[in-house]
Amino acid sequence: MKHVKKGILFFAGWFFVLLGLVGLVTPFLQGILFIILGIYILSIAHKPLGEKIEKYMRRFPAIDRICNRRKERKDSGDSPQ
């Protein structure tokens, strides 16, 4: 069952990345949004990618602070202003 979940996540991640690439050249899709979503899903399914993302978060602490702030808001139930 674990392999099935990992396979579904892997497929979904690549689907969103490809959808994002299509969205970069079409006016009606938000390409970058789908690319970021796809990379996030792939980082869950593929540990080396997740580790690389963590490395970049340490390298660029401003992005890490933004992500952590949004995560803290979500966990506390506050809505963004």
N, C-alpha and C. Protein backbone atom coordinates (compact mmCIF):
# COMPACT_ATOMS: atom_id res chain seq x y z
N MET A 1 0.83 -1.20 0.00
CA MET A 1 0.00 0.00 0.00
C MET A 1 0.87 1.25 0.00
N LYS A 2 2.01 1.19 0.68
CA LYS A 2 2.90 2.34 0.75
C LYS A 2 3.45 2.69 -0.64
N HIS A 3 3.75 1.65 -1.43
CA HIS A 3 4.27 1.89 -2.78
C HIS A 3 3.21 2.50 -3.69
N VAL A 4 1.96 2.11 -3.48
CA VAL A 4 0.87 2.67 -4.28
C VAL A 4 0.71 4.16 -3.98
N LYS A 5 0.74 4.53 -2.70
CA LYS A 5 0.61 5.93 -2.31
C LYS A 5 1.78 6.75 -2.88
N LYS A 6 2.98 6.19 -2.79
CA LYS A 6 4.16 6.89 -3.30
C LYS A 6 4.05 7.06 -4.82
N GLY A 7 3.55 6.04 -5.51
CA GLY A 7 3.37 6.12 -6.95
C GLY A 7 2.34 7.16 -7.35
N ILE A 8 1.25 7.22 -6.60
CA ILE A 8 0.22 8.22 -6.88
C ILE A 8 0.75 9.62 -6.65
N LEU A 9 1.49 9.81 -5.57
CA LEU A 9 2.08 11.13 -5.30
C LEU A 9 3.08 11.51 -6.39
N PHE A 10 3.88 10.54 -6.81
CA PHE A 10 4.87 10.80 -7.85
C PHE A 10 4.18 11.20 -9.16
N PHE A 11 3.14 10.46 -9.54
CA PHE A 11 2.39 10.78 -10.75
C PHE A 11 1.73 12.15 -10.64
N ALA A 12 1.08 12.42 -9.51
CA ALA A 12 0.39 13.70 -9.32
C ALA A 12 1.38 14.86 -9.36
N GLY A 13 2.54 14.67 -8.74
CA GLY A 13 3.55 15.73 -8.75
C GLY A 13 4.00 16.07 -10.16
N TRP A 14 4.32 15.05 -10.95
CA TRP A 14 4.74 15.31 -12.32
C TRP A 14 3.61 15.87 -13.17
N PHE A 15 2.38 15.43 -12.90
CA PHE A 15 1.24 15.97 -13.62
C PHE A 15 1.13 17.48 -13.40
N PHE A 16 1.25 17.92 -12.14
CA PHE A 16 1.14 19.35 -11.85
C PHE A 16 2.33 20.13 -12.40
N VAL A 17 3.52 19.54 -12.38
CA VAL A 17 4.67 20.23 -12.98
C VAL A 17 4.44 20.43 -14.47
N LEU A 18 4.01 19.38 -15.17
CA LEU A 18 3.75 19.50 -16.61
C LEU A 18 2.59 20.46 -16.89
N LEU A 19 1.56 20.41 -16.07
CA LEU A 19 0.46 21.36 -16.22
C LEU A 19 0.96 22.79 -16.02
N GLY A 20 1.87 22.98 -15.09
CA GLY A 20 2.45 24.30 -14.87
C GLY A 20 3.27 24.78 -16.05
N LEU A 21 4.00 23.86 -16.68
CA LEU A 21 4.77 24.24 -17.86
C LEU A 21 3.85 24.66 -19.00
N VAL A 22 2.74 23.96 -19.15
CA VAL A 22 1.75 24.36 -20.15
C VAL A 22 1.16 25.72 -19.76
N GLY A 23 0.95 25.91 -18.48
CA GLY A 23 0.39 27.17 -18.00
C GLY A 23 1.30 28.36 -18.21
N LEU A 24 2.60 28.12 -18.34
CA LEU A 24 3.51 29.24 -18.58
C LEU A 24 3.32 29.85 -19.97
N VAL A 25 2.83 29.05 -20.92
CA VAL A 25 2.67 29.56 -22.28
C VAL A 25 1.22 29.82 -22.65
N THR A 26 0.28 29.49 -21.77
CA THR A 26 -1.13 29.77 -22.05
C THR A 26 -1.61 30.88 -21.11
N PRO A 27 -2.52 31.70 -21.59
CA PRO A 27 -2.96 32.83 -20.77
C PRO A 27 -3.98 32.48 -19.68
N PHE A 28 -4.56 31.28 -19.70
CA PHE A 28 -5.63 30.99 -18.76
C PHE A 28 -5.22 30.10 -17.60
N LEU A 29 -4.00 29.61 -17.56
CA LEU A 29 -3.53 28.79 -16.44
C LEU A 29 -2.45 29.54 -15.67
N GLN A 30 -2.43 29.37 -14.36
CA GLN A 30 -1.39 29.96 -13.52
C GLN A 30 -0.24 28.96 -13.45
N GLY A 31 0.71 29.07 -14.36
CA GLY A 31 1.77 28.09 -14.50
C GLY A 31 2.64 27.92 -13.27
N ILE A 32 3.09 29.01 -12.70
CA ILE A 32 4.02 28.93 -11.57
C ILE A 32 3.36 28.29 -10.36
N LEU A 33 2.07 28.53 -10.19
CA LEU A 33 1.34 27.93 -9.08
C LEU A 33 1.34 26.41 -9.18
N PHE A 34 1.07 25.89 -10.39
CA PHE A 34 1.06 24.45 -10.58
C PHE A 34 2.46 23.85 -10.47
N ILE A 35 3.47 24.56 -10.91
CA ILE A 35 4.84 24.07 -10.79
C ILE A 35 5.22 23.95 -9.32
N ILE A 36 4.92 24.97 -8.53
CA ILE A 36 5.25 24.92 -7.10
C ILE A 36 4.48 23.80 -6.41
N LEU A 37 3.21 23.65 -6.74
CA LEU A 37 2.41 22.56 -6.17
C LEU A 37 3.00 21.20 -6.54
N GLY A 38 3.38 21.03 -7.79
CA GLY A 38 3.96 19.78 -8.24
C GLY A 38 5.28 19.47 -7.55
N ILE A 39 6.12 20.47 -7.38
CA ILE A 39 7.40 20.26 -6.69
C ILE A 39 7.16 19.91 -5.23
N TYR A 40 6.19 20.54 -4.62
CA TYR A 40 5.88 20.21 -3.22
C TYR A 40 5.41 18.76 -3.10
N ILE A 41 4.53 18.33 -3.98
CA ILE A 41 4.05 16.95 -3.94
C ILE A 41 5.19 15.98 -4.22
N LEU A 42 6.05 16.30 -5.19
CA LEU A 42 7.19 15.44 -5.47
C LEU A 42 8.15 15.36 -4.29
N SER A 43 8.28 16.45 -3.53
CA SER A 43 9.19 16.42 -2.38
C SER A 43 8.68 15.49 -1.29
N ILE A 44 7.37 15.28 -1.24
CA ILE A 44 6.81 14.33 -0.28
C ILE A 44 7.10 12.91 -0.73
N ALA A 45 6.97 12.66 -2.03
CA ALA A 45 7.14 11.31 -2.56
C ALA A 45 8.60 10.92 -2.73
N HIS A 46 9.48 11.89 -2.91
CA HIS A 46 10.88 11.61 -3.23
C HIS A 46 11.77 12.30 -2.19
N LYS A 47 12.30 11.54 -1.27
CA LYS A 47 13.05 12.10 -0.13
C LYS A 47 14.25 12.95 -0.54
N PRO A 48 15.07 12.54 -1.56
CA PRO A 48 16.20 13.41 -1.93
C PRO A 48 15.76 14.80 -2.39
N LEU A 49 14.63 14.89 -3.08
CA LEU A 49 14.13 16.20 -3.48
C LEU A 49 13.70 17.01 -2.26
N GLY A 50 13.05 16.35 -1.30
CA GLY A 50 12.66 17.04 -0.07
C GLY A 50 13.86 17.56 0.70
N GLU A 51 14.94 16.76 0.72
CA GLU A 51 16.16 17.21 1.39
C GLU A 51 16.78 18.39 0.68
N LYS A 52 16.73 18.38 -0.66
CA LYS A 52 17.28 19.50 -1.42
C LYS A 52 16.48 20.78 -1.17
N ILE A 53 15.16 20.65 -1.07
CA ILE A 53 14.32 21.82 -0.78
C ILE A 53 14.65 22.36 0.61
N GLU A 54 14.84 21.47 1.59
CA GLU A 54 15.23 21.92 2.93
C GLU A 54 16.57 22.64 2.91
N LYS A 55 17.50 22.17 2.09
CA LYS A 55 18.81 22.81 1.96
C LYS A 55 18.64 24.24 1.43
N TYR A 56 17.78 24.42 0.41
CA TYR A 56 17.55 25.75 -0.13
C TYR A 56 16.81 26.64 0.85
N MET A 57 15.96 26.06 1.66
CA MET A 57 15.27 26.85 2.68
C MET A 57 16.28 27.39 3.70
N ARG A 58 17.28 26.58 4.03
CA ARG A 58 18.33 27.07 4.95
C ARG A 58 19.19 28.12 4.26
N ARG A 59 19.39 27.97 2.96
CA ARG A 59 20.22 28.92 2.22
C ARG A 59 19.52 30.26 2.04
N PHE A 60 18.20 30.24 1.88
CA PHE A 60 17.41 31.45 1.70
C PHE A 60 16.43 31.57 2.86
N PRO A 61 16.88 32.09 3.99
CA PRO A 61 16.04 32.12 5.19
C PRO A 61 14.79 32.99 5.06
N ALA A 62 14.79 33.98 4.17
CA ALA A 62 13.60 34.81 4.02
C ALA A 62 12.43 33.99 3.49
N ILE A 63 12.68 33.11 2.54
CA ILE A 63 11.63 32.24 2.01
C ILE A 63 11.16 31.28 3.10
N ASP A 64 12.10 30.78 3.87
CA ASP A 64 11.76 29.86 4.96
C ASP A 64 10.86 30.55 5.98
N ARG A 65 11.15 31.81 6.31
CA ARG A 65 10.32 32.55 7.27
C ARG A 65 8.91 32.73 6.74
N ILE A 66 8.79 33.05 5.44
CA ILE A 66 7.46 33.23 4.85
C ILE A 66 6.67 31.93 4.92
N CYS A 67 7.31 30.84 4.55
CA CYS A 67 6.62 29.54 4.57
C CYS A 67 6.23 29.15 5.99
N ASN A 68 7.12 29.37 6.95
CA ASN A 68 6.81 29.02 8.34
C ASN A 68 5.71 29.91 8.90
N ARG A 69 5.70 31.18 8.53
CA ARG A 69 4.66 32.09 9.00
C ARG A 69 3.30 31.63 8.49
N ARG A 70 3.23 31.25 7.23
CA ARG A 70 1.96 30.77 6.67
C ARG A 70 1.54 29.47 7.33
N LYS A 71 2.50 28.61 7.61
CA LYS A 71 2.19 27.33 8.26
C LYS A 71 1.67 27.57 9.68
N GLU A 72 2.28 28.51 10.40
CA GLU A 72 1.84 28.82 11.75
C GLU A 72 0.43 29.39 11.75
N ARG A 73 0.11 30.25 10.77
CA ARG A 73 -1.25 30.79 10.66
C ARG A 73 -2.25 29.68 10.42
N LYS A 74 -1.89 28.76 9.54
CA LYS A 74 -2.79 27.66 9.23
C LYS A 74 -3.01 26.79 10.45
N ASP A 75 -1.95 26.51 11.21
CA ASP A 75 -2.05 25.67 12.40
C ASP A 75 -2.85 26.33 13.50
N SER A 76 -2.74 27.65 13.62
CA SER A 76 -3.45 28.35 14.70
C SER A 76 -4.89 28.69 14.32
N GLY A 77 -5.23 28.59 13.03
CA GLY A 77 -6.60 28.89 12.61
C GLY A 77 -6.83 30.34 12.28
N ASP A 78 -5.79 31.17 12.33
CA ASP A 78 -5.94 32.58 11.97
C ASP A 78 -6.07 32.70 10.47
N SER A 79 -6.87 33.66 10.04
CA SER A 79 -6.97 33.91 8.61
C SER A 79 -6.03 35.05 8.25
N PRO A 80 -5.38 34.97 7.06
CA PRO A 80 -4.46 36.05 6.67
C PRO A 80 -5.21 37.35 6.42
N GLN A 81 -4.60 38.44 6.76
CA GLN A 81 -5.21 39.76 6.61
C GLN A 81 -5.10 40.25 5.20
